[in-house]
Amino acid sequence: MSKRSILDNELLQITLDRLCQQLIENHDQFEESVILAIQPRGVIVGERIKSILEKSLKKKVAFGHLDVTFHRDDFRRKEAPLKANATIVPFIIEDKRVILVDDVLYTGRTVRAALDAMIAFGRPKDVELLALVDRKFGRDLPIEAQYVGKEVICLDSEHVQVDLHEESKGEDKIWLVTNNDKK
């Protein structure tokens, strides 16, 4: 297995700041907009986005966590029972502009599950997707992020590893990992 850094700590912060500026350009003061972070890894990214936005806007931004476990099309295919994460949506999304946040966009299946899960909380005016990393090529569904931190072209033998200090207790780093094992 080999690793190649695609975003380090400093570049990640610049990327998050840029994404927040794009959000402010399109959502102004966030009066009609809310952020829903997809559990589990999108929540860390979403918390950081929310924090930067609140500093810039000098006001609270509506933020929630969305669990998609039982909305996934593969949840019955796992050998061990899946454990759901918390869904925390402390606001109504009816007629709101929703920004879904996740760490990596790959096949689009997690986003599709998030759309299904979100509908339980109302019918949004529109939905946009923010992905910290967009793995180009490999989509199973026609889903596209409107806000992308970094686009990466990956082979099937590669994956994106997101190490954020909230989980890893080290520095933030995003890697492209290649599995060199030949089977």
N, C-alpha and C. Protein backbone atom coordinates (compact mmCIF):
# COMPACT_ATOMS: atom_id res chain seq x y z
N MET A 1 0.84 -1.17 0.00
CA MET A 1 0.00 0.00 0.00
C MET A 1 0.89 1.24 0.00
N SER A 2 0.56 2.21 -0.85
CA SER A 2 1.30 3.47 -0.87
C SER A 2 0.33 4.64 -0.74
N LYS A 3 0.85 5.73 -0.17
CA LYS A 3 0.03 6.92 0.08
C LYS A 3 0.67 8.13 -0.57
N ARG A 4 -0.19 8.98 -1.14
CA ARG A 4 0.27 10.24 -1.70
C ARG A 4 -0.62 11.35 -1.14
N SER A 5 -0.02 12.36 -0.56
CA SER A 5 -0.77 13.46 0.02
C SER A 5 -1.43 14.30 -1.09
N ILE A 6 -2.73 14.57 -0.93
CA ILE A 6 -3.40 15.44 -1.90
C ILE A 6 -3.83 16.77 -1.26
N LEU A 7 -3.99 16.81 0.05
CA LEU A 7 -4.25 18.05 0.78
C LEU A 7 -3.60 17.94 2.14
N ASP A 8 -2.76 18.92 2.48
CA ASP A 8 -2.18 18.94 3.82
C ASP A 8 -2.97 19.90 4.70
N ASN A 9 -2.53 20.07 5.93
CA ASN A 9 -3.23 20.88 6.91
C ASN A 9 -3.50 22.30 6.41
N GLU A 10 -2.46 22.96 5.90
CA GLU A 10 -2.59 24.35 5.45
C GLU A 10 -3.50 24.46 4.23
N LEU A 11 -3.30 23.58 3.26
CA LEU A 11 -4.11 23.61 2.05
C LEU A 11 -5.57 23.26 2.34
N LEU A 12 -5.80 22.40 3.30
CA LEU A 12 -7.17 22.06 3.68
C LEU A 12 -7.87 23.29 4.25
N GLN A 13 -7.21 24.06 5.08
CA GLN A 13 -7.82 25.26 5.65
C GLN A 13 -8.15 26.27 4.56
N ILE A 14 -7.25 26.44 3.61
CA ILE A 14 -7.49 27.35 2.48
C ILE A 14 -8.71 26.87 1.68
N THR A 15 -8.79 25.56 1.48
CA THR A 15 -9.89 24.97 0.73
C THR A 15 -11.22 25.19 1.45
N LEU A 16 -11.25 24.98 2.76
CA LEU A 16 -12.48 25.20 3.53
C LEU A 16 -12.90 26.67 3.49
N ASP A 17 -11.94 27.57 3.60
CA ASP A 17 -12.24 29.00 3.52
C ASP A 17 -12.84 29.36 2.15
N ARG A 18 -12.27 28.79 1.09
CA ARG A 18 -12.78 29.04 -0.26
C ARG A 18 -14.21 28.52 -0.41
N LEU A 19 -14.46 27.31 0.08
CA LEU A 19 -15.81 26.75 0.00
C LEU A 19 -16.81 27.64 0.73
N CYS A 20 -16.41 28.16 1.88
CA CYS A 20 -17.31 29.03 2.65
C CYS A 20 -17.58 30.34 1.92
N GLN A 21 -16.59 30.87 1.26
CA GLN A 21 -16.82 32.09 0.47
C GLN A 21 -17.80 31.83 -0.67
N GLN A 22 -17.69 30.67 -1.30
CA GLN A 22 -18.63 30.31 -2.35
C GLN A 22 -20.04 30.17 -1.80
N LEU A 23 -20.16 29.57 -0.62
CA LEU A 23 -21.47 29.43 0.02
C LEU A 23 -22.08 30.80 0.33
N ILE A 24 -21.28 31.71 0.85
CA ILE A 24 -21.78 33.05 1.17
C ILE A 24 -22.21 33.77 -0.11
N GLU A 25 -21.44 33.62 -1.18
CA GLU A 25 -21.83 34.23 -2.46
C GLU A 25 -23.20 33.76 -2.91
N ASN A 26 -23.50 32.48 -2.71
CA ASN A 26 -24.76 31.91 -3.20
C ASN A 26 -25.90 31.91 -2.18
N HIS A 27 -25.57 32.05 -0.89
CA HIS A 27 -26.61 31.96 0.14
C HIS A 27 -26.69 33.21 1.01
N ASP A 28 -25.89 34.21 0.70
CA ASP A 28 -25.89 35.50 1.36
C ASP A 28 -25.80 35.34 2.88
N GLN A 29 -26.83 35.70 3.61
CA GLN A 29 -26.81 35.65 5.08
C GLN A 29 -27.40 34.37 5.66
N PHE A 30 -27.71 33.41 4.83
CA PHE A 30 -28.23 32.09 5.25
C PHE A 30 -29.60 32.19 5.95
N GLU A 31 -30.39 33.21 5.61
CA GLU A 31 -31.73 33.30 6.22
C GLU A 31 -32.62 32.14 5.80
N GLU A 32 -32.48 31.70 4.56
CA GLU A 32 -33.33 30.63 4.03
C GLU A 32 -32.55 29.35 3.77
N SER A 33 -31.34 29.26 4.32
CA SER A 33 -30.47 28.13 4.02
C SER A 33 -30.09 27.39 5.30
N VAL A 34 -29.92 26.08 5.17
CA VAL A 34 -29.51 25.22 6.29
C VAL A 34 -28.44 24.25 5.80
N ILE A 35 -27.64 23.76 6.73
CA ILE A 35 -26.61 22.78 6.41
C ILE A 35 -26.97 21.46 7.06
N LEU A 36 -26.97 20.39 6.26
CA LEU A 36 -27.16 19.03 6.77
C LEU A 36 -25.91 18.23 6.43
N ALA A 37 -25.19 17.80 7.45
CA ALA A 37 -23.98 17.02 7.26
C ALA A 37 -24.31 15.54 7.32
N ILE A 38 -23.76 14.78 6.40
CA ILE A 38 -24.04 13.35 6.31
C ILE A 38 -23.14 12.60 7.29
N GLN A 39 -23.77 11.82 8.18
CA GLN A 39 -23.04 11.02 9.16
C GLN A 39 -22.28 9.90 8.45
N PRO A 40 -21.15 9.50 8.92
CA PRO A 40 -20.47 10.08 10.08
C PRO A 40 -19.45 11.14 9.71
N ARG A 41 -18.74 10.98 8.58
CA ARG A 41 -17.57 11.81 8.30
C ARG A 41 -17.91 13.21 7.80
N GLY A 42 -19.08 13.36 7.21
CA GLY A 42 -19.48 14.67 6.74
C GLY A 42 -19.73 15.64 7.88
N VAL A 43 -20.00 15.10 9.07
CA VAL A 43 -20.29 15.95 10.23
C VAL A 43 -19.06 16.77 10.62
N ILE A 44 -17.89 16.17 10.60
CA ILE A 44 -16.67 16.90 10.95
C ILE A 44 -16.44 18.03 9.95
N VAL A 45 -16.57 17.72 8.68
CA VAL A 45 -16.41 18.74 7.64
C VAL A 45 -17.49 19.81 7.81
N GLY A 46 -18.72 19.39 8.04
CA GLY A 46 -19.83 20.33 8.22
C GLY A 46 -19.65 21.24 9.42
N GLU A 47 -19.14 20.69 10.53
CA GLU A 47 -18.89 21.51 11.72
C GLU A 47 -17.86 22.60 11.41
N ARG A 48 -16.84 22.23 10.67
CA ARG A 48 -15.82 23.23 10.31
C ARG A 48 -16.40 24.30 9.39
N ILE A 49 -17.18 23.89 8.40
CA ILE A 49 -17.84 24.83 7.49
C ILE A 49 -18.73 25.78 8.29
N LYS A 50 -19.53 25.23 9.18
CA LYS A 50 -20.44 26.02 10.02
C LYS A 50 -19.65 27.04 10.84
N SER A 51 -18.57 26.62 11.45
CA SER A 51 -17.75 27.50 12.28
C SER A 51 -17.19 28.68 11.47
N ILE A 52 -16.65 28.38 10.30
CA ILE A 52 -16.09 29.43 9.44
C ILE A 52 -17.20 30.39 9.00
N LEU A 53 -18.35 29.84 8.60
CA LEU A 53 -19.47 30.68 8.18
C LEU A 53 -19.94 31.59 9.30
N GLU A 54 -20.07 31.03 10.52
CA GLU A 54 -20.55 31.83 11.64
C GLU A 54 -19.58 32.96 11.99
N LYS A 55 -18.28 32.71 11.87
CA LYS A 55 -17.29 33.78 12.10
C LYS A 55 -17.43 34.87 11.04
N SER A 56 -17.60 34.46 9.79
CA SER A 56 -17.72 35.43 8.69
C SER A 56 -19.02 36.22 8.75
N LEU A 57 -20.12 35.51 9.01
CA LEU A 57 -21.44 36.14 9.01
C LEU A 57 -21.80 36.79 10.35
N LYS A 58 -21.05 36.42 11.41
CA LYS A 58 -21.31 36.92 12.77
C LYS A 58 -22.74 36.60 13.22
N LYS A 59 -23.16 35.37 12.91
CA LYS A 59 -24.48 34.88 13.32
C LYS A 59 -24.49 33.36 13.26
N LYS A 60 -25.49 32.76 13.90
CA LYS A 60 -25.64 31.31 13.89
C LYS A 60 -26.15 30.84 12.53
N VAL A 61 -25.68 29.68 12.13
CA VAL A 61 -26.12 29.03 10.89
C VAL A 61 -26.80 27.72 11.29
N ALA A 62 -28.00 27.48 10.75
CA ALA A 62 -28.74 26.25 11.06
C ALA A 62 -27.94 25.05 10.57
N PHE A 63 -27.71 24.09 11.49
CA PHE A 63 -26.85 22.95 11.19
C PHE A 63 -27.44 21.69 11.79
N GLY A 64 -27.43 20.61 11.00
CA GLY A 64 -27.92 19.33 11.49
C GLY A 64 -27.07 18.17 10.99
N HIS A 65 -27.28 17.00 11.63
CA HIS A 65 -26.59 15.76 11.25
C HIS A 65 -27.64 14.82 10.68
N LEU A 66 -27.33 14.19 9.58
CA LEU A 66 -28.27 13.29 8.94
C LEU A 66 -27.67 11.90 8.82
N ASP A 67 -28.31 10.91 9.43
CA ASP A 67 -27.87 9.52 9.31
C ASP A 67 -28.58 8.88 8.13
N VAL A 68 -27.83 8.16 7.30
CA VAL A 68 -28.41 7.55 6.09
C VAL A 68 -28.37 6.03 6.15
N THR A 69 -27.97 5.46 7.27
CA THR A 69 -27.72 4.02 7.38
C THR A 69 -28.84 3.17 6.79
N PHE A 70 -30.07 3.41 7.20
CA PHE A 70 -31.17 2.55 6.78
C PHE A 70 -31.84 3.01 5.49
N HIS A 71 -31.26 4.02 4.87
CA HIS A 71 -31.73 4.47 3.56
C HIS A 71 -30.79 4.01 2.45
N ARG A 72 -29.67 3.39 2.83
CA ARG A 72 -28.70 2.92 1.84
C ARG A 72 -29.26 1.69 1.12
N ASP A 73 -28.92 1.54 -0.15
CA ASP A 73 -29.40 0.39 -0.91
C ASP A 73 -28.60 -0.88 -0.62
N ASP A 74 -27.53 -0.76 0.17
CA ASP A 74 -26.70 -1.93 0.48
C ASP A 74 -26.73 -2.32 1.96
N PHE A 75 -27.60 -1.71 2.76
CA PHE A 75 -27.51 -1.97 4.20
C PHE A 75 -27.87 -3.40 4.58
N ARG A 76 -28.63 -4.10 3.78
CA ARG A 76 -28.96 -5.50 4.09
C ARG A 76 -27.90 -6.48 3.59
N ARG A 77 -26.92 -5.97 2.86
CA ARG A 77 -25.89 -6.83 2.28
C ARG A 77 -24.69 -7.01 3.20
N LYS A 78 -24.65 -6.29 4.28
CA LYS A 78 -23.51 -6.37 5.20
C LYS A 78 -23.63 -7.63 6.05
N GLU A 79 -22.48 -8.20 6.41
CA GLU A 79 -22.47 -9.42 7.23
C GLU A 79 -22.88 -9.12 8.67
N ALA A 80 -22.35 -8.03 9.20
CA ALA A 80 -22.68 -7.65 10.58
C ALA A 80 -23.79 -6.59 10.55
N PRO A 81 -24.63 -6.56 11.58
CA PRO A 81 -25.67 -5.53 11.62
C PRO A 81 -25.05 -4.14 11.68
N LEU A 82 -25.64 -3.23 10.95
CA LEU A 82 -25.15 -1.86 10.94
C LEU A 82 -25.64 -1.11 12.16
N LYS A 83 -24.84 -0.17 12.62
CA LYS A 83 -25.23 0.68 13.74
C LYS A 83 -25.48 2.07 13.20
N ALA A 84 -26.63 2.60 13.50
CA ALA A 84 -26.98 3.93 13.04
C ALA A 84 -26.29 5.00 13.88
N ASN A 85 -26.05 6.13 13.27
CA ASN A 85 -25.54 7.30 13.96
C ASN A 85 -26.73 8.20 14.30
N ALA A 86 -26.48 9.22 15.06
CA ALA A 86 -27.56 10.13 15.45
C ALA A 86 -27.98 11.01 14.28
N THR A 87 -29.27 11.20 14.16
CA THR A 87 -29.81 12.20 13.26
C THR A 87 -30.28 13.35 14.13
N ILE A 88 -29.74 14.53 13.88
CA ILE A 88 -30.11 15.71 14.65
C ILE A 88 -30.46 16.80 13.65
N VAL A 89 -31.74 17.05 13.51
CA VAL A 89 -32.21 18.10 12.60
C VAL A 89 -33.14 19.00 13.41
N PRO A 90 -32.57 20.02 14.09
CA PRO A 90 -33.36 20.86 15.00
C PRO A 90 -34.07 22.03 14.32
N PHE A 91 -34.51 21.83 13.08
CA PHE A 91 -35.19 22.88 12.33
C PHE A 91 -36.05 22.22 11.26
N ILE A 92 -36.94 23.00 10.68
CA ILE A 92 -37.79 22.52 9.59
C ILE A 92 -37.07 22.83 8.28
N ILE A 93 -37.03 21.87 7.37
CA ILE A 93 -36.38 22.13 6.09
C ILE A 93 -37.37 22.50 5.00
N GLU A 94 -38.65 22.50 5.33
CA GLU A 94 -39.68 22.85 4.35
C GLU A 94 -39.37 24.22 3.73
N ASP A 95 -39.27 24.25 2.41
CA ASP A 95 -38.99 25.47 1.63
C ASP A 95 -37.65 26.13 1.94
N LYS A 96 -36.73 25.39 2.55
CA LYS A 96 -35.38 25.91 2.82
C LYS A 96 -34.44 25.47 1.70
N ARG A 97 -33.35 26.19 1.59
CA ARG A 97 -32.26 25.80 0.69
C ARG A 97 -31.32 24.94 1.52
N VAL A 98 -31.20 23.66 1.18
CA VAL A 98 -30.41 22.72 1.96
C VAL A 98 -29.06 22.49 1.28
N ILE A 99 -28.00 22.55 2.09
CA ILE A 99 -26.67 22.21 1.62
C ILE A 99 -26.28 20.91 2.32
N LEU A 100 -26.19 19.82 1.57
CA LEU A 100 -25.71 18.55 2.10
C LEU A 100 -24.18 18.59 2.08
N VAL A 101 -23.56 18.12 3.16
CA VAL A 101 -22.10 18.14 3.26
C VAL A 101 -21.59 16.72 3.52
N ASP A 102 -20.57 16.32 2.74
CA ASP A 102 -19.92 15.03 2.98
C ASP A 102 -18.43 15.19 2.71
N ASP A 103 -17.66 14.22 3.20
CA ASP A 103 -16.20 14.32 3.02
C ASP A 103 -15.78 13.91 1.61
N VAL A 104 -16.27 12.76 1.12
CA VAL A 104 -15.86 12.27 -0.21
C VAL A 104 -17.10 11.88 -1.00
N LEU A 105 -17.16 12.36 -2.24
CA LEU A 105 -18.20 11.95 -3.18
C LEU A 105 -17.57 10.94 -4.13
N TYR A 106 -18.16 9.75 -4.18
CA TYR A 106 -17.62 8.71 -5.07
C TYR A 106 -18.73 8.17 -5.97
N THR A 107 -19.47 7.17 -5.51
CA THR A 107 -20.48 6.56 -6.38
C THR A 107 -21.77 7.36 -6.43
N GLY A 108 -22.03 8.16 -5.42
CA GLY A 108 -23.27 8.92 -5.35
C GLY A 108 -24.34 8.23 -4.52
N ARG A 109 -24.09 7.00 -4.12
CA ARG A 109 -25.12 6.24 -3.39
C ARG A 109 -25.39 6.80 -2.00
N THR A 110 -24.39 7.30 -1.32
CA THR A 110 -24.61 7.90 0.00
C THR A 110 -25.45 9.16 -0.13
N VAL A 111 -25.19 9.94 -1.14
CA VAL A 111 -25.97 11.17 -1.36
C VAL A 111 -27.41 10.81 -1.68
N ARG A 112 -27.62 9.79 -2.50
CA ARG A 112 -28.99 9.37 -2.80
C ARG A 112 -29.71 8.95 -1.53
N ALA A 113 -29.02 8.23 -0.66
CA ALA A 113 -29.61 7.82 0.62
C ALA A 113 -29.91 9.05 1.48
N ALA A 114 -29.02 10.04 1.44
CA ALA A 114 -29.24 11.27 2.22
C ALA A 114 -30.48 12.01 1.73
N LEU A 115 -30.68 12.03 0.43
CA LEU A 115 -31.88 12.68 -0.12
C LEU A 115 -33.14 11.98 0.39
N ASP A 116 -33.12 10.65 0.41
CA ASP A 116 -34.26 9.90 0.95
C ASP A 116 -34.48 10.20 2.42
N ALA A 117 -33.41 10.20 3.21
CA ALA A 117 -33.52 10.46 4.65
C ALA A 117 -34.00 11.87 4.92
N MET A 118 -33.57 12.81 4.13
CA MET A 118 -33.90 14.22 4.34
C MET A 118 -35.39 14.50 4.16
N ILE A 119 -36.02 13.79 3.26
CA ILE A 119 -37.43 14.03 2.95
C ILE A 119 -38.33 13.83 4.18
N ALA A 120 -37.89 13.05 5.15
CA ALA A 120 -38.66 12.86 6.38
C ALA A 120 -38.81 14.16 7.16
N PHE A 121 -37.98 15.15 6.86
CA PHE A 121 -38.00 16.43 7.58
C PHE A 121 -38.64 17.56 6.79
N GLY A 122 -39.24 17.23 5.66
CA GLY A 122 -39.92 18.24 4.87
C GLY A 122 -39.40 18.27 3.45
N ARG A 123 -40.02 19.13 2.67
CA ARG A 123 -39.65 19.26 1.26
C ARG A 123 -38.87 20.55 1.08
N PRO A 124 -37.57 20.44 0.80
CA PRO A 124 -36.76 21.65 0.65
C PRO A 124 -37.07 22.40 -0.64
N LYS A 125 -36.72 23.68 -0.63
CA LYS A 125 -36.85 24.48 -1.84
C LYS A 125 -35.87 23.98 -2.89
N ASP A 126 -34.63 23.75 -2.48
CA ASP A 126 -33.63 23.14 -3.35
C ASP A 126 -32.55 22.50 -2.49
N VAL A 127 -31.74 21.66 -3.12
CA VAL A 127 -30.68 20.93 -2.42
C VAL A 127 -29.40 21.07 -3.22
N GLU A 128 -28.32 21.41 -2.52
CA GLU A 128 -27.00 21.47 -3.12
C GLU A 128 -26.09 20.53 -2.35
N LEU A 129 -24.99 20.14 -2.99
CA LEU A 129 -24.05 19.22 -2.36
C LEU A 129 -22.68 19.87 -2.28
N LEU A 130 -22.07 19.79 -1.09
CA LEU A 130 -20.70 20.21 -0.87
C LEU A 130 -19.90 18.96 -0.53
N ALA A 131 -18.87 18.69 -1.31
CA ALA A 131 -17.99 17.54 -1.05
C ALA A 131 -16.57 18.05 -0.90
N LEU A 132 -15.93 17.66 0.18
CA LEU A 132 -14.54 18.05 0.39
C LEU A 132 -13.66 17.50 -0.72
N VAL A 133 -13.88 16.23 -1.09
CA VAL A 133 -13.15 15.59 -2.19
C VAL A 133 -14.15 14.93 -3.13
N ASP A 134 -13.99 15.19 -4.40
CA ASP A 134 -14.83 14.58 -5.43
C ASP A 134 -13.97 13.60 -6.22
N ARG A 135 -14.26 12.32 -6.03
CA ARG A 135 -13.57 11.28 -6.81
C ARG A 135 -14.22 11.25 -8.18
N LYS A 136 -13.55 11.79 -9.16
CA LYS A 136 -14.10 11.80 -10.51
C LYS A 136 -14.08 10.37 -11.04
N PHE A 137 -14.99 10.08 -11.90
CA PHE A 137 -15.09 8.77 -12.56
C PHE A 137 -15.36 7.68 -11.53
N GLY A 138 -16.46 7.05 -11.65
CA GLY A 138 -16.83 5.99 -10.74
C GLY A 138 -18.23 6.18 -10.20
N ARG A 139 -18.93 7.19 -10.70
CA ARG A 139 -20.30 7.42 -10.25
C ARG A 139 -21.20 6.29 -10.71
N ASP A 140 -22.03 5.81 -9.81
CA ASP A 140 -23.08 4.86 -10.16
C ASP A 140 -24.38 5.60 -10.46
N LEU A 141 -24.49 6.82 -9.91
CA LEU A 141 -25.70 7.63 -10.06
C LEU A 141 -25.30 9.01 -10.58
N PRO A 142 -26.19 9.67 -11.31
CA PRO A 142 -25.85 10.99 -11.87
C PRO A 142 -25.96 12.10 -10.82
N ILE A 143 -25.05 12.09 -9.89
CA ILE A 143 -25.03 13.07 -8.79
C ILE A 143 -23.75 13.88 -8.91
N GLU A 144 -23.90 15.19 -8.73
CA GLU A 144 -22.77 16.10 -8.89
C GLU A 144 -22.77 17.10 -7.75
N ALA A 145 -21.59 17.42 -7.24
CA ALA A 145 -21.46 18.41 -6.18
C ALA A 145 -21.36 19.81 -6.78
N GLN A 146 -22.07 20.76 -6.17
CA GLN A 146 -21.98 22.15 -6.60
C GLN A 146 -20.76 22.85 -5.99
N TYR A 147 -20.31 22.34 -4.84
CA TYR A 147 -19.15 22.91 -4.15
C TYR A 147 -18.16 21.78 -3.92
N VAL A 148 -16.96 21.92 -4.48
CA VAL A 148 -15.95 20.86 -4.40
C VAL A 148 -14.64 21.45 -3.89
N GLY A 149 -14.09 20.81 -2.85
CA GLY A 149 -12.80 21.24 -2.34
C GLY A 149 -11.67 20.83 -3.24
N LYS A 150 -11.65 19.56 -3.63
CA LYS A 150 -10.56 19.02 -4.45
C LYS A 150 -11.13 17.90 -5.32
N GLU A 151 -10.85 17.97 -6.61
CA GLU A 151 -11.21 16.88 -7.52
C GLU A 151 -10.02 15.94 -7.65
N VAL A 152 -10.30 14.64 -7.61
CA VAL A 152 -9.24 13.64 -7.70
C VAL A 152 -9.67 12.57 -8.68
N ILE A 153 -8.77 12.23 -9.59
CA ILE A 153 -9.03 11.13 -10.51
C ILE A 153 -8.40 9.89 -9.90
N CYS A 154 -9.21 8.87 -9.65
CA CYS A 154 -8.75 7.65 -8.98
C CYS A 154 -8.99 6.43 -9.85
N LEU A 155 -8.11 5.47 -9.68
CA LEU A 155 -8.32 4.15 -10.26
C LEU A 155 -9.18 3.34 -9.29
N ASP A 156 -9.69 2.21 -9.75
CA ASP A 156 -10.46 1.34 -8.86
C ASP A 156 -9.63 0.82 -7.70
N SER A 157 -8.32 0.71 -7.89
CA SER A 157 -7.44 0.20 -6.84
C SER A 157 -7.03 1.29 -5.85
N GLU A 158 -7.55 2.49 -6.00
CA GLU A 158 -7.20 3.60 -5.12
C GLU A 158 -8.42 4.07 -4.34
N HIS A 159 -8.16 4.68 -3.19
CA HIS A 159 -9.24 5.32 -2.45
C HIS A 159 -8.71 6.57 -1.76
N VAL A 160 -9.63 7.41 -1.36
CA VAL A 160 -9.27 8.65 -0.67
C VAL A 160 -9.40 8.41 0.82
N GLN A 161 -8.36 8.75 1.56
CA GLN A 161 -8.36 8.62 3.02
C GLN A 161 -8.32 10.03 3.62
N VAL A 162 -9.35 10.35 4.38
CA VAL A 162 -9.44 11.66 5.00
C VAL A 162 -9.09 11.51 6.48
N ASP A 163 -7.98 12.11 6.88
CA ASP A 163 -7.55 12.11 8.28
C ASP A 163 -7.73 13.51 8.83
N LEU A 164 -8.75 13.68 9.67
CA LEU A 164 -9.00 14.97 10.29
C LEU A 164 -8.66 14.89 11.77
N HIS A 165 -8.11 15.96 12.31
CA HIS A 165 -7.57 15.89 13.68
C HIS A 165 -8.63 15.55 14.72
N GLU A 166 -9.90 15.79 14.44
CA GLU A 166 -10.95 15.43 15.39
C GLU A 166 -11.00 13.92 15.62
N GLU A 167 -10.62 13.14 14.63
CA GLU A 167 -10.62 11.68 14.74
C GLU A 167 -9.22 11.11 14.95
N SER A 168 -8.26 11.62 14.19
CA SER A 168 -6.94 11.01 14.19
C SER A 168 -6.01 11.57 15.26
N LYS A 169 -6.38 12.70 15.85
CA LYS A 169 -5.57 13.38 16.88
C LYS A 169 -4.24 13.87 16.34
N GLY A 170 -4.05 13.79 15.03
CA GLY A 170 -2.84 14.31 14.41
C GLY A 170 -3.19 15.52 13.56
N GLU A 171 -2.35 15.80 12.58
CA GLU A 171 -2.64 16.90 11.67
C GLU A 171 -3.66 16.46 10.63
N ASP A 172 -4.36 17.44 10.09
CA ASP A 172 -5.26 17.17 8.99
C ASP A 172 -4.46 16.79 7.76
N LYS A 173 -4.92 15.75 7.08
CA LYS A 173 -4.25 15.34 5.85
C LYS A 173 -5.22 14.49 5.04
N ILE A 174 -5.22 14.70 3.76
CA ILE A 174 -6.03 13.88 2.87
C ILE A 174 -5.08 13.18 1.91
N TRP A 175 -5.27 11.87 1.81
CA TRP A 175 -4.35 11.01 1.07
C TRP A 175 -5.07 10.32 -0.09
N LEU A 176 -4.31 10.03 -1.12
CA LEU A 176 -4.74 9.09 -2.15
C LEU A 176 -3.96 7.81 -1.86
N VAL A 177 -4.69 6.75 -1.52
CA VAL A 177 -4.06 5.50 -1.11
C VAL A 177 -4.22 4.49 -2.24
N THR A 178 -3.11 3.88 -2.62
CA THR A 178 -3.10 2.86 -3.67
C THR A 178 -2.84 1.50 -3.04
N ASN A 179 -3.69 0.54 -3.33
CA ASN A 179 -3.50 -0.81 -2.87
C ASN A 179 -2.63 -1.52 -3.91
N ASN A 180 -1.40 -1.80 -3.56
CA ASN A 180 -0.45 -2.42 -4.48
C ASN A 180 -0.52 -3.94 -4.48
N ASP A 181 -1.40 -4.52 -3.65
CA ASP A 181 -1.50 -5.98 -3.57
C ASP A 181 -2.06 -6.51 -4.89
N LYS A 182 -1.39 -7.50 -5.43
CA LYS A 182 -1.87 -8.15 -6.66
C LYS A 182 -2.54 -9.46 -6.27
N LYS A 183 -3.75 -9.62 -6.75
CA LYS A 183 -4.49 -10.83 -6.40
C LYS A 183 -4.65 -11.72 -7.59
